[in-house]
Amino acid sequence: MKHRRSIDLVDGCDAVEIDRETLTTLPQWYVIHARCPACQRQTPIDRHTLAYRFGRHLSLARIGSRLKCSGCGNRNGNQLLLGRLPRD
């Protein structure tokens, strides 16, 4: 699946175990996006800002539930999407 900015979103074969992965263990070539199910807004998120706000050792699975949509203010069911930057 492709993001509108041509970033490859992780599919089943490149799946990351989000229950075990944290912001410190996630490789640097992954980018993080948030998606709101209410308004379908999708935006990239800086991993350093997330680490400062929620802690570096919080699992990726628990971060999505703590996000708030900046478009509609929704706090329920927000999701994290992982994208992989192209590598040489």
PDB file of N, CA and C in Angstrom:
ATOM      1  N   MET A   1       0.833  -1.156   0.000  1.00  0.00           N
ATOM      2  CA  MET A   1       0.000   0.000   0.000  1.00  0.00           C
ATOM      3  C   MET A   1       0.889   1.234   0.000  1.00  0.00           C
ATOM      4  N   LYS A   2       0.537   2.212  -0.814  1.00  0.00           N
ATOM      5  CA  LYS A   2       1.335   3.428  -0.924  1.00  0.00           C
ATOM      6  C   LYS A   2       0.633   4.594  -0.253  1.00  0.00           C
ATOM      7  N   HIS A   3       1.394   5.400   0.432  1.00  0.00           N
ATOM      8  CA  HIS A   3       0.918   6.647   1.001  1.00  0.00           C
ATOM      9  C   HIS A   3       0.896   7.676  -0.117  1.00  0.00           C
ATOM     10  N   ARG A   4       0.144   8.740   0.045  1.00  0.00           N
ATOM     11  CA  ARG A   4       0.045   9.753  -1.019  1.00  0.00           C
ATOM     12  C   ARG A   4       1.370  10.421  -1.324  1.00  0.00           C
ATOM     13  N   ARG A   5       2.342  10.330  -0.414  1.00  0.00           N
ATOM     14  CA  ARG A   5       3.665  10.909  -0.662  1.00  0.00           C
ATOM     15  C   ARG A   5       4.652   9.857  -1.151  1.00  0.00           C
ATOM     16  N   SER A   6       4.145   8.755  -1.671  1.00  0.00           N
ATOM     17  CA  SER A   6       4.931   7.662  -2.239  1.00  0.00           C
ATOM     18  C   SER A   6       5.821   6.959  -1.227  1.00  0.00           C
ATOM     19  N   ILE A   7       5.378   6.913   0.019  1.00  0.00           N
ATOM     20  CA  ILE A   7       6.091   6.157   1.038  1.00  0.00           C
ATOM     21  C   ILE A   7       5.437   4.797   1.117  1.00  0.00           C
ATOM     22  N   ASP A   8       6.227   3.734   1.069  1.00  0.00           N
ATOM     23  CA  ASP A   8       5.674   2.391   1.182  1.00  0.00           C
ATOM     24  C   ASP A   8       5.180   2.162   2.592  1.00  0.00           C
ATOM     25  N   LEU A   9       3.882   1.905   2.732  1.00  0.00           N
ATOM     26  CA  LEU A   9       3.349   1.545   4.034  1.00  0.00           C
ATOM     27  C   LEU A   9       3.580   0.052   4.222  1.00  0.00           C
ATOM     28  N   VAL A  10       3.873  -0.353   5.420  1.00  0.00           N
ATOM     29  CA  VAL A  10       4.262  -1.729   5.706  1.00  0.00           C
ATOM     30  C   VAL A  10       3.112  -2.662   5.408  1.00  0.00           C
ATOM     31  N   ASP A  11       3.407  -3.710   4.649  1.00  0.00           N
ATOM     32  CA  ASP A  11       2.411  -4.730   4.374  1.00  0.00           C
ATOM     33  C   ASP A  11       2.736  -5.973   5.197  1.00  0.00           C
ATOM     34  N   GLY A  12       2.017  -7.056   4.975  1.00  0.00           N
ATOM     35  CA  GLY A  12       2.139  -8.254   5.793  1.00  0.00           C
ATOM     36  C   GLY A  12       3.523  -8.871   5.812  1.00  0.00           C
ATOM     37  N   CYS A  13       4.266  -8.829   4.713  1.00  0.00           N
ATOM     38  CA  CYS A  13       5.568  -9.494   4.672  1.00  0.00           C
ATOM     39  C   CYS A  13       6.639  -8.707   5.441  1.00  0.00           C
ATOM     40  N   ASP A  14       6.433  -7.412   5.628  1.00  0.00           N
ATOM     41  CA  ASP A  14       7.395  -6.584   6.363  1.00  0.00           C
ATOM     42  C   ASP A  14       6.842  -6.152   7.710  1.00  0.00           C
ATOM     43  N   ALA A  15       5.912  -6.911   8.224  1.00  0.00           N
ATOM     44  CA  ALA A  15       5.216  -6.506   9.445  1.00  0.00           C
ATOM     45  C   ALA A  15       6.188  -6.381  10.614  1.00  0.00           C
ATOM     46  N   VAL A  16       5.961  -5.381  11.405  1.00  0.00           N
ATOM     47  CA  VAL A  16       6.728  -5.126  12.610  1.00  0.00           C
ATOM     48  C   VAL A  16       5.849  -5.513  13.783  1.00  0.00           C
ATOM     49  N   GLU A  17       6.383  -6.186  14.753  1.00  0.00           N
ATOM     50  CA  GLU A  17       5.610  -6.567  15.930  1.00  0.00           C
ATOM     51  C   GLU A  17       5.436  -5.343  16.814  1.00  0.00           C
ATOM     52  N   ILE A  18       4.286  -4.691  16.672  1.00  0.00           N
ATOM     53  CA  ILE A  18       4.095  -3.428  17.368  1.00  0.00           C
ATOM     54  C   ILE A  18       3.912  -3.611  18.869  1.00  0.00           C
ATOM     55  N   ASP A  19       3.599  -4.816  19.322  1.00  0.00           N
ATOM     56  CA  ASP A  19       3.503  -5.044  20.763  1.00  0.00           C
ATOM     57  C   ASP A  19       4.870  -5.014  21.423  1.00  0.00           C
ATOM     58  N   ARG A  20       5.900  -5.404  20.679  1.00  0.00           N
ATOM     59  CA  ARG A  20       7.261  -5.467  21.223  1.00  0.00           C
ATOM     60  C   ARG A  20       8.129  -4.292  20.823  1.00  0.00           C
ATOM     61  N   GLU A  21       7.835  -3.686  19.687  1.00  0.00           N
ATOM     62  CA  GLU A  21       8.657  -2.563  19.206  1.00  0.00           C
ATOM     63  C   GLU A  21       8.376  -1.305  20.007  1.00  0.00           C
ATOM     64  N   THR A  22       9.425  -0.566  20.294  1.00  0.00           N
ATOM     65  CA  THR A  22       9.309   0.739  20.929  1.00  0.00           C
ATOM     66  C   THR A  22       9.928   1.770  19.997  1.00  0.00           C
ATOM     67  N   LEU A  23       9.874   3.009  20.371  1.00  0.00           N
ATOM     68  CA  LEU A  23      10.456   4.061  19.534  1.00  0.00           C
ATOM     69  C   LEU A  23      11.974   3.933  19.450  1.00  0.00           C
ATOM     70  N   THR A  24      12.602   3.367  20.476  1.00  0.00           N
ATOM     71  CA  THR A  24      14.057   3.213  20.434  1.00  0.00           C
ATOM     72  C   THR A  24      14.480   2.000  19.624  1.00  0.00           C
ATOM     73  N   THR A  25      13.658   0.958  19.559  1.00  0.00           N
ATOM     74  CA  THR A  25      14.035  -0.240  18.816  1.00  0.00           C
ATOM     75  C   THR A  25      13.582  -0.204  17.368  1.00  0.00           C
ATOM     76  N   LEU A  26      12.715   0.722  17.015  1.00  0.00           N
ATOM     77  CA  LEU A  26      12.249   0.846  15.635  1.00  0.00           C
ATOM     78  C   LEU A  26      13.382   1.400  14.766  1.00  0.00           C
ATOM     79  N   PRO A  27      13.722   0.719  13.660  1.00  0.00           N
ATOM     80  CA  PRO A  27      14.817   1.209  12.811  1.00  0.00           C
ATOM     81  C   PRO A  27      14.547   2.616  12.278  1.00  0.00           C
ATOM     82  N   GLN A  28      15.608   3.348  12.007  1.00  0.00           N
ATOM     83  CA  GLN A  28      15.513   4.748  11.594  1.00  0.00           C
ATOM     84  C   GLN A  28      14.865   4.934  10.226  1.00  0.00           C
ATOM     85  N   TRP A  29      14.824   3.904   9.380  1.00  0.00           N
ATOM     86  CA  TRP A  29      14.247   4.051   8.046  1.00  0.00           C
ATOM     87  C   TRP A  29      12.727   3.891   8.051  1.00  0.00           C
ATOM     88  N   TYR A  30      12.124   3.739   9.222  1.00  0.00           N
ATOM     89  CA  TYR A  30      10.672   3.712   9.336  1.00  0.00           C
ATOM     90  C   TYR A  30      10.171   5.088   9.739  1.00  0.00           C
ATOM     91  N   VAL A  31       9.115   5.535   9.086  1.00  0.00           N
ATOM     92  CA  VAL A  31       8.457   6.790   9.447  1.00  0.00           C
ATOM     93  C   VAL A  31       7.103   6.446  10.045  1.00  0.00           C
ATOM     94  N   ILE A  32       6.610   7.317  10.892  1.00  0.00           N
ATOM     95  CA  ILE A  32       5.367   7.059  11.605  1.00  0.00           C
ATOM     96  C   ILE A  32       4.311   8.056  11.147  1.00  0.00           C
ATOM     97  N   HIS A  33       3.122   7.536  10.849  1.00  0.00           N
ATOM     98  CA  HIS A  33       1.970   8.341  10.475  1.00  0.00           C
ATOM     99  C   HIS A  33       0.830   7.995  11.412  1.00  0.00           C
ATOM    100  N   ALA A  34      -0.051   8.939  11.632  1.00  0.00           N
ATOM    101  CA  ALA A  34      -1.249   8.709  12.429  1.00  0.00           C
ATOM    102  C   ALA A  34      -2.465   8.871  11.535  1.00  0.00           C
ATOM    103  N   ARG A  35      -3.489   8.033  11.784  1.00  0.00           N
ATOM    104  CA  ARG A  35      -4.728   8.122  11.012  1.00  0.00           C
ATOM    105  C   ARG A  35      -5.913   8.161  11.966  1.00  0.00           C
ATOM    106  N   CYS A  36      -6.819   9.077  11.685  1.00  0.00           N
ATOM    107  CA  CYS A  36      -8.047   9.207  12.465  1.00  0.00           C
ATOM    108  C   CYS A  36      -9.160   8.465  11.728  1.00  0.00           C
ATOM    109  N   PRO A  37      -9.844   7.526  12.381  1.00  0.00           N
ATOM    110  CA  PRO A  37     -10.920   6.801  11.700  1.00  0.00           C
ATOM    111  C   PRO A  37     -12.178   7.649  11.513  1.00  0.00           C
ATOM    112  N   ALA A  38     -12.349   8.709  12.284  1.00  0.00           N
ATOM    113  CA  ALA A  38     -13.548   9.533  12.185  1.00  0.00           C
ATOM    114  C   ALA A  38     -13.534  10.425  10.944  1.00  0.00           C
ATOM    115  N   CYS A  39     -12.435  11.132  10.713  1.00  0.00           N
ATOM    116  CA  CYS A  39     -12.372  12.070   9.588  1.00  0.00           C
ATOM    117  C   CYS A  39     -11.405  11.619   8.487  1.00  0.00           C
ATOM    118  N   GLN A  40     -10.756  10.466   8.664  1.00  0.00           N
ATOM    119  CA  GLN A  40      -9.808   9.899   7.698  1.00  0.00           C
ATOM    120  C   GLN A  40      -8.586  10.781   7.481  1.00  0.00           C
ATOM    121  N   ARG A  41      -8.293  11.665   8.398  1.00  0.00           N
ATOM    122  CA  ARG A  41      -7.091  12.512   8.303  1.00  0.00           C
ATOM    123  C   ARG A  41      -5.862  11.655   8.595  1.00  0.00           C
ATOM    124  N   GLN A  42      -4.830  11.841   7.810  1.00  0.00           N
ATOM    125  CA  GLN A  42      -3.580  11.095   7.991  1.00  0.00           C
ATOM    126  C   GLN A  42      -2.428  12.080   7.937  1.00  0.00           C
ATOM    127  N   THR A  43      -1.537  11.993   8.922  1.00  0.00           N
ATOM    128  CA  THR A  43      -0.447  12.963   9.009  1.00  0.00           C
ATOM    129  C   THR A  43       0.820  12.291   9.539  1.00  0.00           C
ATOM    130  N   PRO A  44       1.994  12.710   9.065  1.00  0.00           N
ATOM    131  CA  PRO A  44       3.238  12.169   9.626  1.00  0.00           C
ATOM    132  C   PRO A  44       3.504  12.725  11.017  1.00  0.00           C
ATOM    133  N   ILE A  45       4.161  11.902  11.847  1.00  0.00           N
ATOM    134  CA  ILE A  45       4.477  12.287  13.214  1.00  0.00           C
ATOM    135  C   ILE A  45       5.977  12.119  13.429  1.00  0.00           C
ATOM    136  N   ASP A  46       6.571  13.078  14.085  1.00  0.00           N
ATOM    137  CA  ASP A  46       7.993  13.014  14.409  1.00  0.00           C
ATOM    138  C   ASP A  46       8.216  12.052  15.571  1.00  0.00           C
ATOM    139  N   ARG A  47       9.095  11.070  15.380  1.00  0.00           N
ATOM    140  CA  ARG A  47       9.329  10.066  16.423  1.00  0.00           C
ATOM    141  C   ARG A  47       9.984  10.658  17.660  1.00  0.00           C
ATOM    142  N   HIS A  48      10.759  11.707  17.514  1.00  0.00           N
ATOM    143  CA  HIS A  48      11.408  12.323  18.657  1.00  0.00           C
ATOM    144  C   HIS A  48      10.388  13.064  19.535  1.00  0.00           C
ATOM    145  N   THR A  49       9.397  13.666  18.903  1.00  0.00           N
ATOM    146  CA  THR A  49       8.329  14.306  19.660  1.00  0.00           C
ATOM    147  C   THR A  49       7.524  13.272  20.433  1.00  0.00           C
ATOM    148  N   LEU A  50       7.239  12.132  19.788  1.00  0.00           N
ATOM    149  CA  LEU A  50       6.526  11.048  20.475  1.00  0.00           C
ATOM    150  C   LEU A  50       7.325  10.526  21.658  1.00  0.00           C
ATOM    151  N   ALA A  51       8.627  10.358  21.470  1.00  0.00           N
ATOM    152  CA  ALA A  51       9.475   9.841  22.541  1.00  0.00           C
ATOM    153  C   ALA A  51       9.511  10.809  23.718  1.00  0.00           C
ATOM    154  N   TYR A  52       9.556  12.098  23.433  1.00  0.00           N
ATOM    155  CA  TYR A  52       9.566  13.097  24.510  1.00  0.00           C
ATOM    156  C   TYR A  52       8.234  13.113  25.261  1.00  0.00           C
ATOM    157  N   ARG A  53       7.153  12.966  24.520  1.00  0.00           N
ATOM    158  CA  ARG A  53       5.823  13.088  25.113  1.00  0.00           C
ATOM    159  C   ARG A  53       5.376  11.837  25.860  1.00  0.00           C
ATOM    160  N   PHE A  54       5.624  10.643  25.286  1.00  0.00           N
ATOM    161  CA  PHE A  54       5.105   9.401  25.858  1.00  0.00           C
ATOM    162  C   PHE A  54       6.182   8.504  26.463  1.00  0.00           C
ATOM    163  N   GLY A  55       7.432   8.807  26.208  1.00  0.00           N
ATOM    164  CA  GLY A  55       8.518   7.962  26.703  1.00  0.00           C
ATOM    165  C   GLY A  55       9.056   7.076  25.592  1.00  0.00           C
ATOM    166  N   ARG A  56      10.350   6.796  25.657  1.00  0.00           N
ATOM    167  CA  ARG A  56      10.999   6.020  24.591  1.00  0.00           C
ATOM    168  C   ARG A  56      10.677   4.545  24.647  1.00  0.00           C
ATOM    169  N   HIS A  57      10.261   4.050  25.800  1.00  0.00           N
ATOM    170  CA  HIS A  57      10.094   2.609  25.962  1.00  0.00           C
ATOM    171  C   HIS A  57       8.653   2.144  25.928  1.00  0.00           C
ATOM    172  N   LEU A  58       7.731   3.015  25.536  1.00  0.00           N
ATOM    173  CA  LEU A  58       6.333   2.631  25.381  1.00  0.00           C
ATOM    174  C   LEU A  58       6.170   1.905  24.054  1.00  0.00           C
ATOM    175  N   SER A  59       5.432   0.795  24.040  1.00  0.00           N
ATOM    176  CA  SER A  59       5.268   0.035  22.802  1.00  0.00           C
ATOM    177  C   SER A  59       4.446   0.838  21.796  1.00  0.00           C
ATOM    178  N   LEU A  60       4.683   0.585  20.523  1.00  0.00           N
ATOM    179  CA  LEU A  60       3.974   1.293  19.465  1.00  0.00           C
ATOM    180  C   LEU A  60       2.477   1.024  19.520  1.00  0.00           C
ATOM    181  N   ALA A  61       2.082  -0.145  19.982  1.00  0.00           N
ATOM    182  CA  ALA A  61       0.665  -0.494  20.064  1.00  0.00           C
ATOM    183  C   ALA A  61      -0.080   0.404  21.046  1.00  0.00           C
ATOM    184  N   ARG A  62       0.576   0.869  22.076  1.00  0.00           N
ATOM    185  CA  ARG A  62      -0.073   1.695  23.092  1.00  0.00           C
ATOM    186  C   ARG A  62      -0.058   3.181  22.743  1.00  0.00           C
ATOM    187  N   ILE A  63       0.747   3.584  21.791  1.00  0.00           N
ATOM    188  CA  ILE A  63       0.815   5.004  21.433  1.00  0.00           C
ATOM    189  C   ILE A  63      -0.431   5.446  20.672  1.00  0.00           C
ATOM    190  N   GLY A  64      -0.950   4.614  19.778  1.00  0.00           N
ATOM    191  CA  GLY A  64      -2.112   4.985  18.970  1.00  0.00           C
ATOM    192  C   GLY A  64      -3.313   5.392  19.789  1.00  0.00           C
ATOM    193  N   SER A  65      -3.538   4.719  20.896  1.00  0.00           N
ATOM    194  CA  SER A  65      -4.694   5.040  21.735  1.00  0.00           C
ATOM    195  C   SER A  65      -4.526   6.346  22.498  1.00  0.00           C
ATOM    196  N   ARG A  66      -3.337   6.897  22.541  1.00  0.00           N
ATOM    197  CA  ARG A  66      -3.081   8.146  23.273  1.00  0.00           C
ATOM    198  C   ARG A  66      -3.097   9.377  22.370  1.00  0.00           C
ATOM    199  N   LEU A  67      -3.304   9.191  21.082  1.00  0.00           N
ATOM    200  CA  LEU A  67      -3.255  10.310  20.144  1.00  0.00           C
ATOM    201  C   LEU A  67      -4.598  11.015  20.031  1.00  0.00           C
ATOM    202  N   LYS A  68      -4.548  12.298  19.683  1.00  0.00           N
ATOM    203  CA  LYS A  68      -5.746  13.102  19.448  1.00  0.00           C
ATOM    204  C   LYS A  68      -5.646  13.686  18.044  1.00  0.00           C
ATOM    205  N   CYS A  69      -6.717  13.585  17.286  1.00  0.00           N
ATOM    206  CA  CYS A  69      -6.738  14.122  15.924  1.00  0.00           C
ATOM    207  C   CYS A  69      -6.738  15.642  15.973  1.00  0.00           C
ATOM    208  N   SER A  70      -5.863  16.254  15.202  1.00  0.00           N
ATOM    209  CA  SER A  70      -5.801  17.717  15.183  1.00  0.00           C
ATOM    210  C   SER A  70      -6.879  18.307  14.277  1.00  0.00           C
ATOM    211  N   GLY A  71      -7.523  17.469  13.480  1.00  0.00           N
ATOM    212  CA  GLY A  71      -8.590  17.961  12.614  1.00  0.00           C
ATOM    213  C   GLY A  71      -9.939  18.018  13.296  1.00  0.00           C
ATOM    214  N   CYS A  72     -10.364  16.883  13.885  1.00  0.00           N
ATOM    215  CA  CYS A  72     -11.703  16.815  14.479  1.00  0.00           C
ATOM    216  C   CYS A  72     -11.689  16.640  15.990  1.00  0.00           C
ATOM    217  N   GLY A  73     -10.523  16.409  16.594  1.00  0.00           N
ATOM    218  CA  GLY A  73     -10.428  16.255  18.037  1.00  0.00           C
ATOM    219  C   GLY A  73     -10.742  14.857  18.542  1.00  0.00           C
ATOM    220  N   ASN A  74     -10.909  13.894  17.654  1.00  0.00           N
ATOM    221  CA  ASN A  74     -11.230  12.526  18.041  1.00  0.00           C
ATOM    222  C   ASN A  74     -10.081  11.894  18.826  1.00  0.00           C
ATOM    223  N   ARG A  75     -10.414  11.153  19.878  1.00  0.00           N
ATOM    224  CA  ARG A  75      -9.419  10.436  20.671  1.00  0.00           C
ATOM    225  C   ARG A  75      -9.626   8.925  20.628  1.00  0.00           C
ATOM    226  N   ASN A  76     -10.665   8.437  19.961  1.00  0.00           N
ATOM    227  CA  ASN A  76     -11.001   7.016  19.962  1.00  0.00           C
ATOM    228  C   ASN A  76     -10.607   6.335  18.651  1.00  0.00           C
ATOM    229  N   GLY A  77      -9.875   5.237  18.767  1.00  0.00           N
ATOM    230  CA  GLY A  77      -9.559   4.416  17.602  1.00  0.00           C
ATOM    231  C   GLY A  77      -8.485   4.949  16.679  1.00  0.00           C
ATOM    232  N   ASN A  78      -7.718   5.937  17.092  1.00  0.00           N
ATOM    233  CA  ASN A  78      -6.650   6.452  16.237  1.00  0.00           C
ATOM    234  C   ASN A  78      -5.577   5.388  16.050  1.00  0.00           C
ATOM    235  N   GLN A  79      -4.997   5.344  14.866  1.00  0.00           N
ATOM    236  CA  GLN A  79      -4.066   4.286  14.501  1.00  0.00           C
ATOM    237  C   GLN A  79      -2.716   4.860  14.123  1.00  0.00           C
ATOM    238  N   LEU A  80      -1.678   4.047  14.341  1.00  0.00           N
ATOM    239  CA  LEU A  80      -0.343   4.367  13.853  1.00  0.00           C
ATOM    240  C   LEU A  80      -0.087   3.559  12.599  1.00  0.00           C
ATOM    241  N   LEU A  81       0.472   4.197  11.597  1.00  0.00           N
ATOM    242  CA  LEU A  81       0.896   3.525  10.371  1.00  0.00           C
ATOM    243  C   LEU A  81       2.410   3.666  10.275  1.00  0.00           C
ATOM    244  N   LEU A  82       3.061   2.609   9.897  1.00  0.00           N
ATOM    245  CA  LEU A  82       4.510   2.649   9.717  1.00  0.00           C
ATOM    246  C   LEU A  82       4.824   2.649   8.236  1.00  0.00           C
ATOM    247  N   GLY A  83       5.673   3.562   7.816  1.00  0.00           N
ATOM    248  CA  GLY A  83       6.126   3.619   6.445  1.00  0.00           C
ATOM    249  C   GLY A  83       7.622   3.379   6.397  1.00  0.00           C
ATOM    250  N   ARG A  84       8.077   2.840   5.296  1.00  0.00           N
ATOM    251  CA  ARG A  84       9.491   2.558   5.145  1.00  0.00           C
ATOM    252  C   ARG A  84      10.070   3.457   4.074  1.00  0.00           C
ATOM    253  N   LEU A  85      11.086   4.225   4.435  1.00  0.00           N
ATOM    254  CA  LEU A  85      11.751   5.087   3.475  1.00  0.00           C
ATOM    255  C   LEU A  85      12.582   4.250   2.524  1.00  0.00           C
ATOM    256  N   PRO A  86      12.747   4.692   1.280  1.00  0.00           N
ATOM    257  CA  PRO A  86      13.593   3.944   0.347  1.00  0.00           C
ATOM    258  C   PRO A  86      15.046   3.930   0.793  1.00  0.00           C
ATOM    259  N   ARG A  87      15.657   2.786   0.678  1.00  0.00           N
ATOM    260  CA  ARG A  87      17.069   2.655   1.075  1.00  0.00           C
ATOM    261  C   ARG A  87      17.884   2.275  -0.143  1.00  0.00           C
ATOM    262  N   ASP A  88      19.093   2.769  -0.200  1.00  0.00           N
ATOM    263  CA  ASP A  88      19.988   2.446  -1.319  1.00  0.00           C
ATOM    264  C   ASP A  88      20.629   1.099  -1.134  1.00  0.00           C
TER     265      ASP A  88
END
